[in-house]
Amino acid sequence: MGLVKRAGKPESALQSPAPEALSTLLLQGEDMIDQLARAHMSWGLGSANQ
């Protein structure tokens, strides 16, 4: 039950995505974060002496 509806969006478009879609999105996000962390390490980010 939503108290506020978005203008121009049909009721079916406001429903929550399937759990499988959320799992896929989460795994993709984790992969992107890992890729970014590896890139930062290869660029030497975080390796400076303080």
N, C-alpha and C. Protein backbone atom coordinates (compact mmCIF):
# COMPACT_ATOMS: atom_id res chain seq x y z
N MET A 1 0.84 -1.17 0.00
CA MET A 1 0.00 0.00 0.00
C MET A 1 0.88 1.23 0.00
N GLY A 2 0.77 2.03 -1.02
CA GLY A 2 1.53 3.25 -1.08
C GLY A 2 0.64 4.46 -0.87
N LEU A 3 1.11 5.39 -0.09
CA LEU A 3 0.33 6.59 0.15
C LEU A 3 0.50 7.61 -0.96
N VAL A 4 1.64 7.54 -1.64
CA VAL A 4 1.93 8.50 -2.70
C VAL A 4 2.17 7.73 -3.99
N LYS A 5 1.50 8.12 -5.04
CA LYS A 5 1.71 7.49 -6.34
C LYS A 5 2.50 8.45 -7.20
N ARG A 6 3.36 7.90 -8.02
CA ARG A 6 4.13 8.72 -8.94
C ARG A 6 3.28 9.03 -10.16
N ALA A 7 3.29 10.26 -10.54
CA ALA A 7 2.52 10.69 -11.71
C ALA A 7 3.10 10.06 -12.97
N GLY A 8 2.24 9.59 -13.84
CA GLY A 8 2.67 9.06 -15.13
C GLY A 8 3.14 7.62 -15.10
N LYS A 9 3.16 7.00 -13.95
CA LYS A 9 3.59 5.61 -13.86
C LYS A 9 2.39 4.72 -13.58
N PRO A 10 2.22 3.66 -14.35
CA PRO A 10 1.13 2.73 -14.05
C PRO A 10 1.38 2.01 -12.74
N GLU A 11 0.33 1.57 -12.10
CA GLU A 11 0.42 0.89 -10.79
C GLU A 11 1.39 -0.29 -10.85
N SER A 12 1.40 -1.06 -11.95
CA SER A 12 2.26 -2.24 -12.05
C SER A 12 3.74 -1.86 -12.09
N ALA A 13 4.08 -0.66 -12.56
CA ALA A 13 5.48 -0.24 -12.63
C ALA A 13 6.03 0.10 -11.26
N LEU A 14 5.17 0.29 -10.27
CA LEU A 14 5.61 0.68 -8.94
C LEU A 14 5.87 -0.52 -8.03
N GLN A 15 5.64 -1.71 -8.50
CA GLN A 15 5.80 -2.90 -7.68
C GLN A 15 7.28 -3.22 -7.52
N SER A 16 7.62 -3.90 -6.44
CA SER A 16 9.01 -4.27 -6.15
C SER A 16 9.51 -5.26 -7.19
N PRO A 17 10.81 -5.17 -7.53
CA PRO A 17 11.39 -6.13 -8.47
C PRO A 17 11.47 -7.52 -7.84
N ALA A 18 11.60 -8.52 -8.66
CA ALA A 18 11.71 -9.90 -8.20
C ALA A 18 13.00 -10.08 -7.40
N PRO A 19 12.99 -10.96 -6.41
CA PRO A 19 14.21 -11.20 -5.62
C PRO A 19 15.40 -11.63 -6.48
N GLU A 20 15.13 -12.36 -7.56
CA GLU A 20 16.22 -12.79 -8.44
C GLU A 20 16.88 -11.59 -9.10
N ALA A 21 16.07 -10.60 -9.48
CA ALA A 21 16.62 -9.40 -10.10
C ALA A 21 17.47 -8.62 -9.10
N LEU A 22 17.03 -8.57 -7.86
CA LEU A 22 17.82 -7.89 -6.83
C LEU A 22 19.13 -8.61 -6.56
N SER A 23 19.11 -9.92 -6.55
CA SER A 23 20.33 -10.71 -6.35
C SER A 23 21.32 -10.46 -7.48
N THR A 24 20.82 -10.44 -8.69
CA THR A 24 21.67 -10.17 -9.85
C THR A 24 22.27 -8.78 -9.76
N LEU A 25 21.47 -7.81 -9.41
CA LEU A 25 21.94 -6.44 -9.28
C LEU A 25 23.01 -6.33 -8.19
N LEU A 26 22.80 -7.00 -7.08
CA LEU A 26 23.77 -6.99 -6.00
C LEU A 26 25.10 -7.60 -6.43
N LEU A 27 25.05 -8.73 -7.12
CA LEU A 27 26.27 -9.38 -7.59
C LEU A 27 27.00 -8.51 -8.60
N GLN A 28 26.27 -7.85 -9.48
CA GLN A 28 26.89 -6.95 -10.45
C GLN A 28 27.56 -5.78 -9.74
N GLY A 29 26.90 -5.24 -8.73
CA GLY A 29 27.48 -4.14 -7.98
C GLY A 29 28.74 -4.54 -7.25
N GLU A 30 28.73 -5.72 -6.64
CA GLU A 30 29.93 -6.20 -5.96
C GLU A 30 31.08 -6.39 -6.94
N ASP A 31 30.79 -6.90 -8.13
CA ASP A 31 31.81 -7.10 -9.16
C ASP A 31 32.38 -5.75 -9.59
N MET A 32 31.53 -4.76 -9.75
CA MET A 32 32.01 -3.43 -10.14
C MET A 32 32.90 -2.83 -9.06
N ILE A 33 32.54 -3.01 -7.80
CA ILE A 33 33.36 -2.50 -6.70
C ILE A 33 34.72 -3.20 -6.68
N ASP A 34 34.73 -4.52 -6.90
CA ASP A 34 36.00 -5.26 -6.95
C ASP A 34 36.87 -4.77 -8.10
N GLN A 35 36.27 -4.53 -9.26
CA GLN A 35 37.03 -4.03 -10.41
C GLN A 35 37.63 -2.65 -10.09
N LEU A 36 36.86 -1.80 -9.47
CA LEU A 36 37.32 -0.47 -9.12
C LEU A 36 38.46 -0.53 -8.10
N ALA A 37 38.33 -1.41 -7.11
CA ALA A 37 39.38 -1.56 -6.11
C ALA A 37 40.68 -2.05 -6.75
N ARG A 38 40.57 -3.00 -7.68
CA ARG A 38 41.77 -3.50 -8.38
C ARG A 38 42.40 -2.38 -9.20
N ALA A 39 41.58 -1.57 -9.86
CA ALA A 39 42.11 -0.46 -10.65
C ALA A 39 42.82 0.53 -9.74
N HIS A 40 42.24 0.85 -8.59
CA HIS A 40 42.89 1.78 -7.66
C HIS A 40 44.24 1.24 -7.21
N MET A 41 44.30 -0.06 -6.92
CA MET A 41 45.56 -0.65 -6.50
C MET A 41 46.58 -0.59 -7.62
N SER A 42 46.16 -0.82 -8.85
CA SER A 42 47.09 -0.80 -9.98
C SER A 42 47.60 0.61 -10.24
N TRP A 43 46.82 1.63 -9.88
CA TRP A 43 47.23 3.03 -10.05
C TRP A 43 48.09 3.50 -8.88
N GLY A 44 48.19 2.68 -7.85
CA GLY A 44 48.99 3.04 -6.69
C GLY A 44 48.26 3.88 -5.66
N LEU A 45 46.96 3.97 -5.78
CA LEU A 45 46.20 4.74 -4.80
C LEU A 45 46.26 4.05 -3.45
N GLY A 46 46.51 4.81 -2.42
CA GLY A 46 46.58 4.27 -1.07
C GLY A 46 47.94 3.73 -0.70
N SER A 47 48.94 3.89 -1.59
CA SER A 47 50.25 3.34 -1.30
C SER A 47 51.27 4.39 -0.85
N ALA A 48 50.86 5.65 -0.75
CA ALA A 48 51.78 6.72 -0.35
C ALA A 48 52.10 6.61 1.13
N ASN A 49 53.32 6.97 1.47
CA ASN A 49 53.72 7.02 2.88
C ASN A 49 53.08 8.23 3.52
N GLN A 50 52.63 8.06 4.74
CA GLN A 50 51.97 9.18 5.42
C GLN A 50 52.89 9.88 6.36
